[in-house]
């Protein structure tokens, strides 16, 4: 499914349109329409209790309302072994599936001190 990027993905400001491909219930792939850049992402709710408020700016930009179907993902940096892979909980990717828009929402670290930019996925999996 194709989504329009309403607020840039940090470091990739030139990407304006992306394909979101579900890999399974846990992982998705985000790829720019040119196929030059792709990002593995994970469902953060499958890893931990994850709550945040979408700032008004993003709600307005993406036309989010109480009827919007939202999906949230976090960027994943794959490492070997997979338990060493890191997740960025401070800048979730919010998708408004109702109008096919996407933004990377940068959270305030003061407001969300329990979320990190590079948390190891292994700290959330059972051994």
PDB file of N, CA and C in Angstrom:
ATOM      1  N   UNK A   1       0.827  -1.175   0.000  1.00  0.00           N
ATOM      2  CA  UNK A   1       0.000   0.000   0.000  1.00  0.00           C
ATOM      3  C   UNK A   1       0.873   1.240   0.000  1.00  0.00           C
ATOM      4  N   UNK A   2       0.480   2.247  -0.738  1.00  0.00           N
ATOM      5  CA  UNK A   2       1.247   3.477  -0.902  1.00  0.00           C
ATOM      6  C   UNK A   2       0.740   4.538   0.062  1.00  0.00           C
ATOM      7  N   UNK A   3       1.690   5.189   0.759  1.00  0.00           N
ATOM      8  CA  UNK A   3       1.363   6.261   1.683  1.00  0.00           C
ATOM      9  C   UNK A   3       2.138   7.523   1.315  1.00  0.00           C
ATOM     10  N   UNK A   4       1.532   8.668   1.547  1.00  0.00           N
ATOM     11  CA  UNK A   4       2.169   9.957   1.330  1.00  0.00           C
ATOM     12  C   UNK A   4       2.830  10.395   2.628  1.00  0.00           C
ATOM     13  N   UNK A   5       4.098  10.778   2.539  1.00  0.00           N
ATOM     14  CA  UNK A   5       4.845  11.227   3.711  1.00  0.00           C
ATOM     15  C   UNK A   5       4.513  12.700   3.952  1.00  0.00           C
ATOM     16  N   UNK A   6       3.884  12.987   5.081  1.00  0.00           N
ATOM     17  CA  UNK A   6       3.450  14.348   5.404  1.00  0.00           C
ATOM     18  C   UNK A   6       4.485  15.115   6.224  1.00  0.00           C
ATOM     19  N   UNK A   7       5.248  14.398   7.030  1.00  0.00           N
ATOM     20  CA  UNK A   7       6.315  14.990   7.831  1.00  0.00           C
ATOM     21  C   UNK A   7       7.528  14.099   7.612  1.00  0.00           C
ATOM     22  N   UNK A   8       8.680  14.678   7.291  1.00  0.00           N
ATOM     23  CA  UNK A   8       9.803  13.868   6.820  1.00  0.00           C
ATOM     24  C   UNK A   8      10.295  12.811   7.801  1.00  0.00           C
ATOM     25  N   UNK A   9      10.835  11.760   7.212  1.00  0.00           N
ATOM     26  CA  UNK A   9      11.538  10.737   7.972  1.00  0.00           C
ATOM     27  C   UNK A   9      12.935  11.303   8.205  1.00  0.00           C
ATOM     28  N   UNK A  10      13.347  11.382   9.460  1.00  0.00           N
ATOM     29  CA  UNK A  10      14.605  12.023   9.804  1.00  0.00           C
ATOM     30  C   UNK A  10      15.780  11.447   9.017  1.00  0.00           C
ATOM     31  N   UNK A  11      16.518  12.335   8.365  1.00  0.00           N
ATOM     32  CA  UNK A  11      17.656  11.935   7.555  1.00  0.00           C
ATOM     33  C   UNK A  11      17.292  11.555   6.129  1.00  0.00           C
ATOM     34  N   UNK A  12      15.992  11.471   5.846  1.00  0.00           N
ATOM     35  CA  UNK A  12      15.516  11.072   4.516  1.00  0.00           C
ATOM     36  C   UNK A  12      14.413  12.032   4.076  1.00  0.00           C
ATOM     37  N   UNK A  13      14.683  13.313   4.186  1.00  0.00           N
ATOM     38  CA  UNK A  13      13.698  14.354   3.917  1.00  0.00           C
ATOM     39  C   UNK A  13      13.202  14.368   2.474  1.00  0.00           C
ATOM     40  N   UNK A  14      13.969  13.766   1.551  1.00  0.00           N
ATOM     41  CA  UNK A  14      13.576  13.755   0.136  1.00  0.00           C
ATOM     42  C   UNK A  14      12.505  12.708  -0.171  1.00  0.00           C
ATOM     43  N   UNK A  15      12.245  11.787   0.740  1.00  0.00           N
ATOM     44  CA  UNK A  15      11.245  10.740   0.494  1.00  0.00           C
ATOM     45  C   UNK A  15       9.843  11.318   0.722  1.00  0.00           C
ATOM     46  N   UNK A  16       9.031  11.277  -0.322  1.00  0.00           N
ATOM     47  CA  UNK A  16       7.683  11.865  -0.265  1.00  0.00           C
ATOM     48  C   UNK A  16       6.566  10.830  -0.354  1.00  0.00           C
ATOM     49  N   UNK A  17       6.893   9.633  -0.842  1.00  0.00           N
ATOM     50  CA  UNK A  17       5.894   8.589  -1.018  1.00  0.00           C
ATOM     51  C   UNK A  17       6.574   7.244  -0.733  1.00  0.00           C
ATOM     52  N   UNK A  18       5.862   6.369  -0.001  1.00  0.00           N
ATOM     53  CA  UNK A  18       6.450   5.092   0.412  1.00  0.00           C
ATOM     54  C   UNK A  18       5.457   3.947   0.228  1.00  0.00           C
ATOM     55  N   UNK A  19       6.024   2.761   0.142  1.00  0.00           N
ATOM     56  CA  UNK A  19       5.240   1.527   0.134  1.00  0.00           C
ATOM     57  C   UNK A  19       5.391   0.886   1.504  1.00  0.00           C
ATOM     58  N   UNK A  20       4.303   0.488   2.096  1.00  0.00           N
ATOM     59  CA  UNK A  20       4.307  -0.217   3.371  1.00  0.00           C
ATOM     60  C   UNK A  20       3.914  -1.660   3.079  1.00  0.00           C
ATOM     61  N   UNK A  21       4.816  -2.585   3.406  1.00  0.00           N
ATOM     62  CA  UNK A  21       4.582  -3.997   3.127  1.00  0.00           C
ATOM     63  C   UNK A  21       4.646  -4.776   4.429  1.00  0.00           C
ATOM     64  N   UNK A  22       3.588  -5.491   4.728  1.00  0.00           N
ATOM     65  CA  UNK A  22       3.556  -6.315   5.926  1.00  0.00           C
ATOM     66  C   UNK A  22       4.368  -7.584   5.685  1.00  0.00           C
ATOM     67  N   UNK A  23       5.257  -7.895   6.622  1.00  0.00           N
ATOM     68  CA  UNK A  23       6.035  -9.123   6.535  1.00  0.00           C
ATOM     69  C   UNK A  23       5.333 -10.226   7.328  1.00  0.00           C
ATOM     70  N   UNK A  24       4.889  -9.867   8.532  1.00  0.00           N
ATOM     71  CA  UNK A  24       4.094 -10.758   9.378  1.00  0.00           C
ATOM     72  C   UNK A  24       3.392  -9.876  10.411  1.00  0.00           C
ATOM     73  N   UNK A  25       2.878 -10.451  11.483  1.00  0.00           N
ATOM     74  CA  UNK A  25       2.175  -9.658  12.497  1.00  0.00           C
ATOM     75  C   UNK A  25       3.115  -8.753  13.290  1.00  0.00           C
ATOM     76  N   UNK A  26       4.391  -8.974  13.153  1.00  0.00           N
ATOM     77  CA  UNK A  26       5.393  -8.310  13.964  1.00  0.00           C
ATOM     78  C   UNK A  26       6.186  -7.260  13.176  1.00  0.00           C
ATOM     79  N   UNK A  27       6.576  -7.598  11.945  1.00  0.00           N
ATOM     80  CA  UNK A  27       7.455  -6.748  11.142  1.00  0.00           C
ATOM     81  C   UNK A  27       6.773  -6.224   9.884  1.00  0.00           C
ATOM     82  N   UNK A  28       7.198  -5.023   9.461  1.00  0.00           N
ATOM     83  CA  UNK A  28       6.794  -4.445   8.185  1.00  0.00           C
ATOM     84  C   UNK A  28       8.036  -3.830   7.536  1.00  0.00           C
ATOM     85  N   UNK A  29       7.935  -3.601   6.239  1.00  0.00           N
ATOM     86  CA  UNK A  29       9.004  -2.929   5.519  1.00  0.00           C
ATOM     87  C   UNK A  29       8.441  -1.650   4.926  1.00  0.00           C
ATOM     88  N   UNK A  30       9.183  -0.563   5.124  1.00  0.00           N
ATOM     89  CA  UNK A  30       8.834   0.725   4.553  1.00  0.00           C
ATOM     90  C   UNK A  30       9.868   1.012   3.477  1.00  0.00           C
ATOM     91  N   UNK A  31       9.411   1.260   2.239  1.00  0.00           N
ATOM     92  CA  UNK A  31      10.327   1.456   1.122  1.00  0.00           C
ATOM     93  C   UNK A  31       9.910   2.671   0.318  1.00  0.00           C
ATOM     94  N   UNK A  32      10.896   3.507  -0.044  1.00  0.00           N
ATOM     95  CA  UNK A  32      10.533   4.661  -0.859  1.00  0.00           C
ATOM     96  C   UNK A  32      10.072   4.190  -2.238  1.00  0.00           C
ATOM     97  N   UNK A  33       9.286   4.999  -2.899  1.00  0.00           N
ATOM     98  CA  UNK A  33       8.683   4.604  -4.179  1.00  0.00           C
ATOM     99  C   UNK A  33       9.716   4.349  -5.269  1.00  0.00           C
ATOM    100  N   UNK A  34      10.916   4.927  -5.128  1.00  0.00           N
ATOM    101  CA  UNK A  34      11.972   4.693  -6.101  1.00  0.00           C
ATOM    102  C   UNK A  34      12.701   3.381  -5.845  1.00  0.00           C
ATOM    103  N   UNK A  35      12.472   2.789  -4.684  1.00  0.00           N
ATOM    104  CA  UNK A  35      13.105   1.529  -4.341  1.00  0.00           C
ATOM    105  C   UNK A  35      14.553   1.665  -3.911  1.00  0.00           C
ATOM    106  N   UNK A  36      14.998   2.893  -3.656  1.00  0.00           N
ATOM    107  CA  UNK A  36      16.397   3.124  -3.277  1.00  0.00           C
ATOM    108  C   UNK A  36      16.658   2.945  -1.791  1.00  0.00           C
ATOM    109  N   UNK A  37      15.628   3.127  -0.975  1.00  0.00           N
ATOM    110  CA  UNK A  37      15.794   3.095   0.476  1.00  0.00           C
ATOM    111  C   UNK A  37      14.663   2.288   1.088  1.00  0.00           C
ATOM    112  N   UNK A  38      15.011   1.432   2.037  1.00  0.00           N
ATOM    113  CA  UNK A  38      13.967   0.715   2.768  1.00  0.00           C
ATOM    114  C   UNK A  38      14.347   0.639   4.239  1.00  0.00           C
ATOM    115  N   UNK A  39      13.325   0.541   5.067  1.00  0.00           N
ATOM    116  CA  UNK A  39      13.493   0.504   6.504  1.00  0.00           C
ATOM    117  C   UNK A  39      12.722  -0.674   7.076  1.00  0.00           C
ATOM    118  N   UNK A  40      13.366  -1.521   7.863  1.00  0.00           N
ATOM    119  CA  UNK A  40      12.595  -2.526   8.595  1.00  0.00           C
ATOM    120  C   UNK A  40      11.968  -1.848   9.807  1.00  0.00           C
ATOM    121  N   UNK A  41      10.740  -2.208  10.092  1.00  0.00           N
ATOM    122  CA  UNK A  41      10.050  -1.637  11.248  1.00  0.00           C
ATOM    123  C   UNK A  41       9.354  -2.751  12.007  1.00  0.00           C
ATOM    124  N   UNK A  42       9.025  -2.455  13.250  1.00  0.00           N
ATOM    125  CA  UNK A  42       8.411  -3.445  14.123  1.00  0.00           C
ATOM    126  C   UNK A  42       7.186  -2.823  14.797  1.00  0.00           C
ATOM    127  N   UNK A  43       6.240  -3.668  15.127  1.00  0.00           N
ATOM    128  CA  UNK A  43       5.071  -3.252  15.892  1.00  0.00           C
ATOM    129  C   UNK A  43       5.522  -3.066  17.344  1.00  0.00           C
ATOM    130  N   UNK A  44       5.581  -1.842  17.857  1.00  0.00           N
ATOM    131  CA  UNK A  44       6.104  -1.621  19.208  1.00  0.00           C
ATOM    132  C   UNK A  44       5.233  -2.234  20.301  1.00  0.00           C
ATOM    133  N   UNK A  45       3.940  -2.387  20.020  1.00  0.00           N
ATOM    134  CA  UNK A  45       3.017  -2.925  21.022  1.00  0.00           C
ATOM    135  C   UNK A  45       3.243  -4.419  21.256  1.00  0.00           C
ATOM    136  N   UNK A  46       3.912  -5.069  20.306  1.00  0.00           N
ATOM    137  CA  UNK A  46       4.251  -6.476  20.477  1.00  0.00           C
ATOM    138  C   UNK A  46       5.466  -6.639  21.393  1.00  0.00           C
ATOM    139  N   UNK A  47       6.187  -5.549  21.621  1.00  0.00           N
ATOM    140  CA  UNK A  47       7.386  -5.602  22.450  1.00  0.00           C
ATOM    141  C   UNK A  47       7.160  -5.133  23.884  1.00  0.00           C
ATOM    142  N   UNK A  48       6.360  -4.096  24.043  1.00  0.00           N
ATOM    143  CA  UNK A  48       6.231  -3.470  25.362  1.00  0.00           C
ATOM    144  C   UNK A  48       4.938  -2.661  25.450  1.00  0.00           C
ATOM    145  N   UNK A  49       4.653  -2.195  26.648  1.00  0.00           N
ATOM    146  CA  UNK A  49       3.583  -1.225  26.841  1.00  0.00           C
ATOM    147  C   UNK A  49       4.097   0.084  26.240  1.00  0.00           C
ATOM    148  N   UNK A  50       3.406   0.584  25.244  1.00  0.00           N
ATOM    149  CA  UNK A  50       3.896   1.747  24.497  1.00  0.00           C
ATOM    150  C   UNK A  50       2.736   2.709  24.279  1.00  0.00           C
ATOM    151  N   UNK A  51       2.824   3.846  24.921  1.00  0.00           N
ATOM    152  CA  UNK A  51       1.772   4.853  24.800  1.00  0.00           C
ATOM    153  C   UNK A  51       2.395   6.222  24.621  1.00  0.00           C
ATOM    154  N   UNK A  52       1.788   7.016  23.761  1.00  0.00           N
ATOM    155  CA  UNK A  52       2.202   8.401  23.597  1.00  0.00           C
ATOM    156  C   UNK A  52       1.041   9.164  22.974  1.00  0.00           C
ATOM    157  N   UNK A  53       1.083  10.467  23.145  1.00  0.00           N
ATOM    158  CA  UNK A  53       0.067  11.314  22.529  1.00  0.00           C
ATOM    159  C   UNK A  53       0.638  11.895  21.249  1.00  0.00           C
ATOM    160  N   UNK A  54      -0.156  11.851  20.198  1.00  0.00           N
ATOM    161  CA  UNK A  54       0.255  12.439  18.935  1.00  0.00           C
ATOM    162  C   UNK A  54       0.039  13.949  19.058  1.00  0.00           C
ATOM    163  N   UNK A  55       1.107  14.733  18.958  1.00  0.00           N
ATOM    164  CA  UNK A  55       0.968  16.179  19.077  1.00  0.00           C
ATOM    165  C   UNK A  55      -0.033  16.748  18.058  1.00  0.00           C
ATOM    166  N   UNK A  56      -0.661  17.835  18.431  1.00  0.00           N
ATOM    167  CA  UNK A  56      -1.677  18.488  17.608  1.00  0.00           C
ATOM    168  C   UNK A  56      -1.165  18.790  16.204  1.00  0.00           C
ATOM    169  N   UNK A  57       0.077  19.189  16.098  1.00  0.00           N
ATOM    170  CA  UNK A  57       0.662  19.495  14.787  1.00  0.00           C
ATOM    171  C   UNK A  57       0.516  18.302  13.834  1.00  0.00           C
ATOM    172  N   UNK A  58       0.880  17.112  14.297  1.00  0.00           N
ATOM    173  CA  UNK A  58       0.793  15.909  13.456  1.00  0.00           C
ATOM    174  C   UNK A  58      -0.659  15.510  13.213  1.00  0.00           C
ATOM    175  N   UNK A  59      -1.497  15.687  14.209  1.00  0.00           N
ATOM    176  CA  UNK A  59      -2.917  15.372  14.027  1.00  0.00           C
ATOM    177  C   UNK A  59      -3.501  16.225  12.909  1.00  0.00           C
ATOM    178  N   UNK A  60      -3.150  17.494  12.917  1.00  0.00           N
ATOM    179  CA  UNK A  60      -3.643  18.410  11.895  1.00  0.00           C
ATOM    180  C   UNK A  60      -3.039  18.086  10.525  1.00  0.00           C
ATOM    181  N   UNK A  61      -1.754  17.870  10.497  1.00  0.00           N
ATOM    182  CA  UNK A  61      -1.034  17.581   9.258  1.00  0.00           C
ATOM    183  C   UNK A  61      -1.563  16.333   8.564  1.00  0.00           C
ATOM    184  N   UNK A  62      -1.915  15.315   9.367  1.00  0.00           N
ATOM    185  CA  UNK A  62      -2.356  14.034   8.815  1.00  0.00           C
ATOM    186  C   UNK A  62      -3.872  13.872   8.847  1.00  0.00           C
ATOM    187  N   UNK A  63      -4.569  14.924   9.239  1.00  0.00           N
ATOM    188  CA  UNK A  63      -6.034  14.902   9.320  1.00  0.00           C
ATOM    189  C   UNK A  63      -6.517  13.738  10.190  1.00  0.00           C
ATOM    190  N   UNK A  64      -5.897  13.603  11.370  1.00  0.00           N
ATOM    191  CA  UNK A  64      -6.266  12.544  12.311  1.00  0.00           C
ATOM    192  C   UNK A  64      -7.457  12.997  13.145  1.00  0.00           C
ATOM    193  N   UNK A  65      -8.458  12.141  13.219  1.00  0.00           N
ATOM    194  CA  UNK A  65      -9.615  12.408  14.079  1.00  0.00           C
ATOM    195  C   UNK A  65      -9.989  11.113  14.803  1.00  0.00           C
ATOM    196  N   UNK A  66     -11.062  11.153  15.565  1.00  0.00           N
ATOM    197  CA  UNK A  66     -11.445   9.989  16.374  1.00  0.00           C
ATOM    198  C   UNK A  66     -11.825   8.770  15.529  1.00  0.00           C
ATOM    199  N   UNK A  67     -12.108   8.972  14.252  1.00  0.00           N
ATOM    200  CA  UNK A  67     -12.471   7.857  13.373  1.00  0.00           C
ATOM    201  C   UNK A  67     -11.301   7.335  12.543  1.00  0.00           C
ATOM    202  N   UNK A  68     -10.153   7.944  12.670  1.00  0.00           N
ATOM    203  CA  UNK A  68      -8.996   7.539  11.868  1.00  0.00           C
ATOM    204  C   UNK A  68      -8.485   6.169  12.300  1.00  0.00           C
ATOM    205  N   UNK A  69      -8.123   5.374  11.302  1.00  0.00           N
ATOM    206  CA  UNK A  69      -7.501   4.078  11.568  1.00  0.00           C
ATOM    207  C   UNK A  69      -5.986   4.292  11.567  1.00  0.00           C
ATOM    208  N   UNK A  70      -5.386   4.211  12.756  1.00  0.00           N
ATOM    209  CA  UNK A  70      -3.959   4.471  12.898  1.00  0.00           C
ATOM    210  C   UNK A  70      -3.172   3.186  13.103  1.00  0.00           C
ATOM    211  N   UNK A  71      -1.985   3.157  12.520  1.00  0.00           N
ATOM    212  CA  UNK A  71      -1.020   2.086  12.773  1.00  0.00           C
ATOM    213  C   UNK A  71       0.275   2.766  13.177  1.00  0.00           C
ATOM    214  N   UNK A  72       0.950   2.171  14.147  1.00  0.00           N
ATOM    215  CA  UNK A  72       2.194   2.744  14.658  1.00  0.00           C
ATOM    216  C   UNK A  72       3.291   1.689  14.553  1.00  0.00           C
ATOM    217  N   UNK A  73       4.451   2.132  14.075  1.00  0.00           N
ATOM    218  CA  UNK A  73       5.613   1.262  13.964  1.00  0.00           C
ATOM    219  C   UNK A  73       6.837   2.007  14.490  1.00  0.00           C
ATOM    220  N   UNK A  74       7.857   1.237  14.828  1.00  0.00           N
ATOM    221  CA  UNK A  74       9.120   1.834  15.226  1.00  0.00           C
ATOM    222  C   UNK A  74      10.216   1.283  14.323  1.00  0.00           C
ATOM    223  N   UNK A  75      11.179   2.146  14.008  1.00  0.00           N
ATOM    224  CA  UNK A  75      12.308   1.766  13.163  1.00  0.00           C
ATOM    225  C   UNK A  75      13.162   0.729  13.884  1.00  0.00           C
ATOM    226  N   UNK A  76      13.712  -0.158  13.103  1.00  0.00           N
ATOM    227  CA  UNK A  76      14.510  -1.252  13.630  1.00  0.00           C
ATOM    228  C   UNK A  76      15.851  -1.262  12.901  1.00  0.00           C
ATOM    229  N   UNK A  77      16.939  -1.348  13.651  1.00  0.00           N
ATOM    230  CA  UNK A  77      18.264  -1.527  13.069  1.00  0.00           C
ATOM    231  C   UNK A  77      18.637  -2.979  13.322  1.00  0.00           C
ATOM    232  N   UNK A  78      18.713  -3.749  12.247  1.00  0.00           N
ATOM    233  CA  UNK A  78      18.958  -5.188  12.342  1.00  0.00           C
ATOM    234  C   UNK A  78      20.430  -5.458  12.644  1.00  0.00           C
ATOM    235  N   UNK A  79      20.662  -6.330  13.610  1.00  0.00           N
ATOM    236  CA  UNK A  79      22.013  -6.773  13.968  1.00  0.00           C
ATOM    237  C   UNK A  79      22.010  -8.286  14.092  1.00  0.00           C
ATOM    238  N   UNK A  80      23.196  -8.833  14.179  1.00  0.00           N
ATOM    239  CA  UNK A  80      23.335 -10.265  14.403  1.00  0.00           C
ATOM    240  C   UNK A  80      24.137 -10.466  15.674  1.00  0.00           C
ATOM    241  N   UNK A  81      23.576 -11.214  16.620  1.00  0.00           N
ATOM    242  CA  UNK A  81      22.294 -11.908  16.577  1.00  0.00           C
ATOM    243  C   UNK A  81      21.134 -10.920  16.670  1.00  0.00           C
ATOM    244  N   UNK A  82      19.954 -11.374  16.299  1.00  0.00           N
ATOM    245  CA  UNK A  82      18.782 -10.500  16.231  1.00  0.00           C
ATOM    246  C   UNK A  82      18.481  -9.813  17.564  1.00  0.00           C
ATOM    247  N   UNK A  83      18.849 -10.433  18.673  1.00  0.00           N
ATOM    248  CA  UNK A  83      18.608  -9.833  19.999  1.00  0.00           C
ATOM    249  C   UNK A  83      19.376  -8.529  20.179  1.00  0.00           C
ATOM    250  N   UNK A  84      20.416  -8.339  19.387  1.00  0.00           N
ATOM    251  CA  UNK A  84      21.211  -7.112  19.447  1.00  0.00           C
ATOM    252  C   UNK A  84      20.626  -5.993  18.572  1.00  0.00           C
ATOM    253  N   UNK A  85      19.610  -6.312  17.787  1.00  0.00           N
ATOM    254  CA  UNK A  85      18.945  -5.298  16.971  1.00  0.00           C
ATOM    255  C   UNK A  85      18.348  -4.233  17.876  1.00  0.00           C
ATOM    256  N   UNK A  86      18.321  -2.994  17.380  1.00  0.00           N
ATOM    257  CA  UNK A  86      17.818  -1.910  18.225  1.00  0.00           C
ATOM    258  C   UNK A  86      16.565  -1.270  17.638  1.00  0.00           C
ATOM    259  N   UNK A  87      15.740  -0.769  18.557  1.00  0.00           N
ATOM    260  CA  UNK A  87      14.451  -0.175  18.226  1.00  0.00           C
ATOM    261  C   UNK A  87      14.460   1.283  18.682  1.00  0.00           C
ATOM    262  N   UNK A  88      13.937   2.171  17.842  1.00  0.00           N
ATOM    263  CA  UNK A  88      13.840   3.584  18.187  1.00  0.00           C
ATOM    264  C   UNK A  88      12.419   3.901  18.646  1.00  0.00           C
ATOM    265  N   UNK A  89      12.233   3.951  19.960  1.00  0.00           N
ATOM    266  CA  UNK A  89      10.911   4.255  20.520  1.00  0.00           C
ATOM    267  C   UNK A  89      10.656   5.763  20.603  1.00  0.00           C
ATOM    268  N   UNK A  90      11.672   6.588  20.342  1.00  0.00           N
ATOM    269  CA  UNK A  90      11.529   8.040  20.473  1.00  0.00           C
ATOM    270  C   UNK A  90      11.011   8.720  19.207  1.00  0.00           C
ATOM    271  N   UNK A  91      10.954   7.983  18.107  1.00  0.00           N
ATOM    272  CA  UNK A  91      10.491   8.591  16.857  1.00  0.00           C
ATOM    273  C   UNK A  91       9.636   7.594  16.076  1.00  0.00           C
ATOM    274  N   UNK A  92       8.450   7.291  16.604  1.00  0.00           N
ATOM    275  CA  UNK A  92       7.586   6.316  15.922  1.00  0.00           C
ATOM    276  C   UNK A  92       7.099   6.816  14.569  1.00  0.00           C
ATOM    277  N   UNK A  93       6.802   5.861  13.714  1.00  0.00           N
ATOM    278  CA  UNK A  93       6.179   6.146  12.424  1.00  0.00           C
ATOM    279  C   UNK A  93       4.679   5.939  12.614  1.00  0.00           C
ATOM    280  N   UNK A  94       3.908   6.996  12.412  1.00  0.00           N
ATOM    281  CA  UNK A  94       2.456   6.935  12.569  1.00  0.00           C
ATOM    282  C   UNK A  94       1.832   6.952  11.181  1.00  0.00           C
ATOM    283  N   UNK A  95       0.997   5.963  10.911  1.00  0.00           N
ATOM    284  CA  UNK A  95       0.310   5.842   9.625  1.00  0.00           C
ATOM    285  C   UNK A  95      -1.184   6.046   9.838  1.00  0.00           C
ATOM    286  N   UNK A  96      -1.749   6.980   9.110  1.00  0.00           N
ATOM    287  CA  UNK A  96      -3.195   7.168   9.102  1.00  0.00           C
ATOM    288  C   UNK A  96      -3.713   6.397   7.891  1.00  0.00           C
ATOM    289  N   UNK A  97      -4.225   5.203   8.142  1.00  0.00           N
ATOM    290  CA  UNK A  97      -4.668   4.334   7.065  1.00  0.00           C
ATOM    291  C   UNK A  97      -5.966   4.843   6.434  1.00  0.00           C
ATOM    292  N   UNK A  98      -6.653   5.736   7.110  1.00  0.00           N
ATOM    293  CA  UNK A  98      -7.903   6.280   6.570  1.00  0.00           C
ATOM    294  C   UNK A  98      -7.658   7.174   5.359  1.00  0.00           C
ATOM    295  N   UNK A  99      -6.517   7.902   5.359  1.00  0.00           N
ATOM    296  CA  UNK A  99      -6.220   8.747   4.210  1.00  0.00           C
ATOM    297  C   UNK A  99      -4.836   8.465   3.615  1.00  0.00           C
ATOM    298  N   UNK A 100      -4.216   7.368   4.069  1.00  0.00           N
ATOM    299  CA  UNK A 100      -2.942   6.890   3.534  1.00  0.00           C
ATOM    300  C   UNK A 100      -1.821   7.930   3.643  1.00  0.00           C
ATOM    301  N   UNK A 101      -1.692   8.498   4.864  1.00  0.00           N
ATOM    302  CA  UNK A 101      -0.607   9.428   5.137  1.00  0.00           C
ATOM    303  C   UNK A 101       0.268   8.872   6.246  1.00  0.00           C
ATOM    304  N   UNK A 102       1.486   9.402   6.319  1.00  0.00           N
ATOM    305  CA  UNK A 102       2.469   8.900   7.273  1.00  0.00           C
ATOM    306  C   UNK A 102       3.322  10.057   7.758  1.00  0.00           C
ATOM    307  N   UNK A 103       3.709   9.999   9.029  1.00  0.00           N
ATOM    308  CA  UNK A 103       4.654  10.958   9.596  1.00  0.00           C
ATOM    309  C   UNK A 103       5.525  10.257  10.615  1.00  0.00           C
ATOM    310  N   UNK A 104       6.764  10.724  10.723  1.00  0.00           N
ATOM    311  CA  UNK A 104       7.596  10.286  11.831  1.00  0.00           C
ATOM    312  C   UNK A 104       7.395  11.317  12.932  1.00  0.00           C
ATOM    313  N   UNK A 105       6.879  10.853  14.052  1.00  0.00           N
ATOM    314  CA  UNK A 105       6.567  11.725  15.181  1.00  0.00           C
ATOM    315  C   UNK A 105       7.737  11.672  16.163  1.00  0.00           C
ATOM    316  N   UNK A 106       8.374  12.802  16.369  1.00  0.00           N
ATOM    317  CA  UNK A 106       9.503  12.875  17.293  1.00  0.00           C
ATOM    318  C   UNK A 106       8.965  13.228  18.672  1.00  0.00           C
ATOM    319  N   UNK A 107       9.179  12.308  19.615  1.00  0.00           N
ATOM    320  CA  UNK A 107       8.675  12.494  20.976  1.00  0.00           C
ATOM    321  C   UNK A 107       9.661  13.296  21.825  1.00  0.00           C
ATOM    322  N   UNK A 108       9.140  13.997  22.796  1.00  0.00           N
ATOM    323  CA  UNK A 108       9.940  14.788  23.738  1.00  0.00           C
ATOM    324  C   UNK A 108      10.525  13.852  24.792  1.00  0.00           C
ATOM    325  N   UNK A 109      11.860  13.778  24.903  1.00  0.00           N
ATOM    326  CA  UNK A 109      12.468  12.859  25.874  1.00  0.00           C
ATOM    327  C   UNK A 109      12.143  13.208  27.332  1.00  0.00           C
ATOM    328  N   UNK A 110      11.809  14.450  27.592  1.00  0.00           N
ATOM    329  CA  UNK A 110      11.410  14.841  28.948  1.00  0.00           C
ATOM    330  C   UNK A 110      10.050  14.227  29.285  1.00  0.00           C
ATOM    331  N   UNK A 111       9.155  14.225  28.317  1.00  0.00           N
ATOM    332  CA  UNK A 111       7.811  13.677  28.495  1.00  0.00           C
ATOM    333  C   UNK A 111       7.808  12.146  28.510  1.00  0.00           C
ATOM    334  N   UNK A 112       8.771  11.543  27.808  1.00  0.00           N
ATOM    335  CA  UNK A 112       8.810  10.087  27.671  1.00  0.00           C
ATOM    336  C   UNK A 112      10.195   9.552  28.057  1.00  0.00           C
ATOM    337  N   UNK A 113      10.562   9.683  29.337  1.00  0.00           N
ATOM    338  CA  UNK A 113      11.906   9.278  29.767  1.00  0.00           C
ATOM    339  C   UNK A 113      12.152   7.767  29.723  1.00  0.00           C
ATOM    340  N   UNK A 114      11.106   6.960  29.624  1.00  0.00           N
ATOM    341  CA  UNK A 114      11.277   5.505  29.605  1.00  0.00           C
ATOM    342  C   UNK A 114      11.483   4.932  28.203  1.00  0.00           C
ATOM    343  N   UNK A 115      11.488   5.795  27.190  1.00  0.00           N
ATOM    344  CA  UNK A 115      11.693   5.351  25.817  1.00  0.00           C
ATOM    345  C   UNK A 115      13.065   5.789  25.343  1.00  0.00           C
ATOM    346  N   UNK A 116      13.756   4.893  24.629  1.00  0.00           N
ATOM    347  CA  UNK A 116      15.076   5.208  24.110  1.00  0.00           C
ATOM    348  C   UNK A 116      15.120   5.210  22.600  1.00  0.00           C
ATOM    349  N   UNK A 117      16.241   5.721  22.069  1.00  0.00           N
ATOM    350  CA  UNK A 117      16.429   5.767  20.624  1.00  0.00           C
ATOM    351  C   UNK A 117      17.035   4.484  20.066  1.00  0.00           C
ATOM    352  N   UNK A 118      17.655   3.695  20.928  1.00  0.00           N
ATOM    353  CA  UNK A 118      18.329   2.486  20.450  1.00  0.00           C
ATOM    354  C   UNK A 118      18.247   1.392  21.506  1.00  0.00           C
ATOM    355  N   UNK A 119      17.020   0.988  21.827  1.00  0.00           N
ATOM    356  CA  UNK A 119      16.821  -0.073  22.822  1.00  0.00           C
ATOM    357  C   UNK A 119      16.974  -1.437  22.151  1.00  0.00           C
ATOM    358  N   UNK A 120      17.710  -2.322  22.788  1.00  0.00           N
ATOM    359  CA  UNK A 120      17.953  -3.660  22.243  1.00  0.00           C
ATOM    360  C   UNK A 120      16.665  -4.484  22.274  1.00  0.00           C
ATOM    361  N   UNK A 121      16.344  -5.091  21.152  1.00  0.00           N
ATOM    362  CA  UNK A 121      15.130  -5.901  21.051  1.00  0.00           C
ATOM    363  C   UNK A 121      15.194  -7.102  22.005  1.00  0.00           C
ATOM    364  N   UNK A 122      16.409  -7.566  22.293  1.00  0.00           N
ATOM    365  CA  UNK A 122      16.587  -8.694  23.207  1.00  0.00           C
ATOM    366  C   UNK A 122      16.111  -8.411  24.614  1.00  0.00           C
ATOM    367  N   UNK A 123      16.058  -7.152  25.009  1.00  0.00           N
ATOM    368  CA  UNK A 123      15.599  -6.829  26.360  1.00  0.00           C
ATOM    369  C   UNK A 123      14.081  -6.971  26.486  1.00  0.00           C
ATOM    370  N   UNK A 124      13.386  -7.186  25.372  1.00  0.00           N
ATOM    371  CA  UNK A 124      11.931  -7.342  25.397  1.00  0.00           C
ATOM    372  C   UNK A 124      11.474  -8.753  25.061  1.00  0.00           C
ATOM    373  N   UNK A 125      12.415  -9.624  24.729  1.00  0.00           N
ATOM    374  CA  UNK A 125      12.041 -10.995  24.368  1.00  0.00           C
ATOM    375  C   UNK A 125      12.347 -11.933  25.528  1.00  0.00           C
ATOM    376  N   UNK A 126      11.544 -12.983  25.628  1.00  0.00           N
ATOM    377  CA  UNK A 126      11.737 -13.981  26.682  1.00  0.00           C
ATOM    378  C   UNK A 126      12.866 -14.917  26.290  1.00  0.00           C
ATOM    379  N   UNK A 127      13.672 -15.253  27.268  1.00  0.00           N
ATOM    380  CA  UNK A 127      14.799 -16.153  26.993  1.00  0.00           C
ATOM    381  C   UNK A 127      14.479 -17.539  27.442  1.00  0.00           C
TER     382      UNK A 127
END
